[in-house]
N, C-alpha and C. Protein backbone atom coordinates (compact mmCIF):
# COMPACT_ATOMS: atom_id res chain seq x y z
N UNK A 1 77.08 20.03 91.02
CA UNK A 1 78.52 19.91 90.88
C UNK A 1 78.84 19.24 89.55
N UNK A 2 79.78 19.77 88.83
CA UNK A 2 80.16 19.23 87.53
C UNK A 2 80.89 17.90 87.68
N UNK A 3 80.77 17.09 86.66
CA UNK A 3 81.52 15.84 86.62
C UNK A 3 82.99 16.15 86.40
N UNK A 4 83.85 15.25 86.84
CA UNK A 4 85.29 15.33 86.58
C UNK A 4 85.74 13.99 86.04
N UNK A 5 86.81 14.00 85.28
CA UNK A 5 87.33 12.76 84.70
C UNK A 5 88.57 12.34 85.48
N UNK A 6 88.52 11.12 85.98
CA UNK A 6 89.62 10.59 86.79
C UNK A 6 90.81 10.18 85.92
N UNK A 7 91.89 9.83 86.58
CA UNK A 7 93.10 9.38 85.88
C UNK A 7 92.90 8.02 85.21
N UNK A 8 91.76 7.38 85.41
CA UNK A 8 91.46 6.11 84.75
C UNK A 8 91.16 6.30 83.26
N UNK A 9 90.99 7.54 82.83
CA UNK A 9 90.64 7.87 81.44
C UNK A 9 91.65 7.24 80.48
N UNK A 10 91.11 6.59 79.43
CA UNK A 10 91.96 5.98 78.40
C UNK A 10 91.94 6.79 77.10
N UNK A 11 91.39 8.00 77.15
CA UNK A 11 91.35 8.93 76.02
C UNK A 11 90.70 8.34 74.77
N UNK A 12 89.61 7.62 74.96
CA UNK A 12 88.91 7.03 73.81
C UNK A 12 88.00 8.03 73.12
N UNK A 13 87.56 9.07 73.85
CA UNK A 13 86.73 10.11 73.25
C UNK A 13 85.24 9.84 73.24
N UNK A 14 84.80 8.70 73.75
CA UNK A 14 83.37 8.41 73.72
C UNK A 14 82.56 9.39 74.55
N UNK A 15 83.12 9.88 75.63
CA UNK A 15 82.41 10.85 76.47
C UNK A 15 82.22 12.16 75.73
N UNK A 16 83.25 12.63 75.05
CA UNK A 16 83.18 13.89 74.31
C UNK A 16 82.17 13.80 73.17
N UNK A 17 82.13 12.66 72.51
CA UNK A 17 81.19 12.47 71.40
C UNK A 17 79.74 12.54 71.86
N UNK A 18 79.46 12.13 73.08
CA UNK A 18 78.09 12.07 73.58
C UNK A 18 77.66 13.27 74.42
N UNK A 19 78.58 14.13 74.82
CA UNK A 19 78.23 15.27 75.67
C UNK A 19 77.28 16.21 74.93
N UNK A 20 76.07 16.45 75.47
CA UNK A 20 75.09 17.28 74.76
C UNK A 20 75.43 18.77 74.72
N UNK A 21 76.35 19.21 75.56
CA UNK A 21 76.69 20.64 75.60
C UNK A 21 78.13 20.92 75.19
N UNK A 22 78.87 19.90 74.76
CA UNK A 22 80.24 20.09 74.31
C UNK A 22 81.20 20.51 75.40
N UNK A 23 80.98 20.01 76.60
CA UNK A 23 81.81 20.41 77.74
C UNK A 23 83.09 19.61 77.88
N UNK A 24 83.28 18.58 77.06
CA UNK A 24 84.42 17.69 77.22
C UNK A 24 85.38 17.84 76.05
N UNK A 25 86.64 18.08 76.37
CA UNK A 25 87.68 18.25 75.36
C UNK A 25 88.91 17.42 75.74
N UNK A 26 89.71 17.07 74.75
CA UNK A 26 90.94 16.32 75.01
C UNK A 26 91.95 17.22 75.71
N UNK A 27 92.53 16.71 76.79
CA UNK A 27 93.58 17.42 77.50
C UNK A 27 94.93 16.82 77.15
N UNK A 28 95.95 17.18 77.88
CA UNK A 28 97.29 16.67 77.61
C UNK A 28 97.41 15.16 77.85
N UNK A 29 96.83 14.68 78.95
CA UNK A 29 96.97 13.27 79.29
C UNK A 29 95.65 12.53 79.39
N UNK A 30 94.54 13.27 79.41
CA UNK A 30 93.21 12.66 79.50
C UNK A 30 92.19 13.70 79.06
N UNK A 31 90.96 13.28 78.89
CA UNK A 31 89.90 14.22 78.56
C UNK A 31 89.55 15.04 79.80
N UNK A 32 89.06 16.26 79.58
CA UNK A 32 88.74 17.16 80.68
C UNK A 32 87.34 17.74 80.47
N UNK A 33 86.65 18.00 81.57
CA UNK A 33 85.31 18.57 81.52
C UNK A 33 85.35 20.01 81.99
N UNK A 34 84.80 20.90 81.18
CA UNK A 34 84.70 22.31 81.54
C UNK A 34 83.54 22.45 82.53
N UNK A 35 83.86 22.74 83.77
CA UNK A 35 82.86 22.81 84.84
C UNK A 35 81.82 23.89 84.57
N UNK A 36 82.18 24.93 83.85
CA UNK A 36 81.23 26.01 83.56
C UNK A 36 80.19 25.59 82.52
N UNK A 37 80.52 24.62 81.69
CA UNK A 37 79.59 24.15 80.67
C UNK A 37 78.82 22.90 81.09
N UNK A 38 79.39 22.10 81.97
CA UNK A 38 78.79 20.83 82.39
C UNK A 38 77.42 21.07 83.04
N UNK A 39 76.41 20.31 82.58
CA UNK A 39 75.06 20.43 83.14
C UNK A 39 74.73 19.27 84.07
N UNK A 40 75.73 18.47 84.43
CA UNK A 40 75.58 17.39 85.41
C UNK A 40 74.55 16.35 84.97
N UNK A 41 74.52 16.05 83.67
CA UNK A 41 73.51 15.11 83.16
C UNK A 41 73.93 13.65 83.31
N UNK A 42 75.24 13.39 83.38
CA UNK A 42 75.73 12.02 83.56
C UNK A 42 75.87 11.21 82.29
N UNK A 43 75.61 11.81 81.15
CA UNK A 43 75.73 11.08 79.88
C UNK A 43 77.15 10.54 79.69
N UNK A 44 78.15 11.33 80.04
CA UNK A 44 79.54 10.90 79.89
C UNK A 44 79.84 9.65 80.71
N UNK A 45 79.34 9.62 81.92
CA UNK A 45 79.57 8.47 82.79
C UNK A 45 78.90 7.22 82.25
N UNK A 46 77.78 7.41 81.59
CA UNK A 46 77.03 6.27 81.05
C UNK A 46 77.69 5.62 79.86
N UNK A 47 78.50 6.35 79.11
CA UNK A 47 79.12 5.79 77.91
C UNK A 47 80.59 5.42 78.09
N UNK A 48 81.19 5.83 79.18
CA UNK A 48 82.62 5.57 79.40
C UNK A 48 82.88 4.10 79.71
N UNK A 49 83.79 3.46 78.96
CA UNK A 49 84.07 2.04 79.20
C UNK A 49 84.87 1.76 80.48
N UNK A 50 85.48 2.81 81.07
CA UNK A 50 86.27 2.60 82.29
C UNK A 50 85.76 3.41 83.48
N UNK A 51 84.56 3.99 83.35
CA UNK A 51 83.93 4.77 84.42
C UNK A 51 84.81 5.92 84.93
N UNK A 52 85.49 6.60 84.01
CA UNK A 52 86.36 7.70 84.40
C UNK A 52 85.60 8.96 84.83
N UNK A 53 84.50 9.35 84.14
CA UNK A 53 83.77 10.53 84.60
C UNK A 53 83.04 10.23 85.91
N UNK A 54 83.23 11.09 86.87
CA UNK A 54 82.61 10.88 88.18
C UNK A 54 81.97 12.17 88.64
N UNK A 55 80.77 12.04 89.19
CA UNK A 55 80.04 13.22 89.63
C UNK A 55 79.82 13.27 91.10
């Protein structure tokens, strides 16, 4: 199952910078993960300062 970014996202971009497959892009109000590209590695969750990505 792909990770999703909760409403706790502060749009800092650290998750997108670290995603090895480029699955994370800025959305209208928070960053979003493309479920088709996400490889469920958890890198985004490891670098997020507010634990917004959840798997």
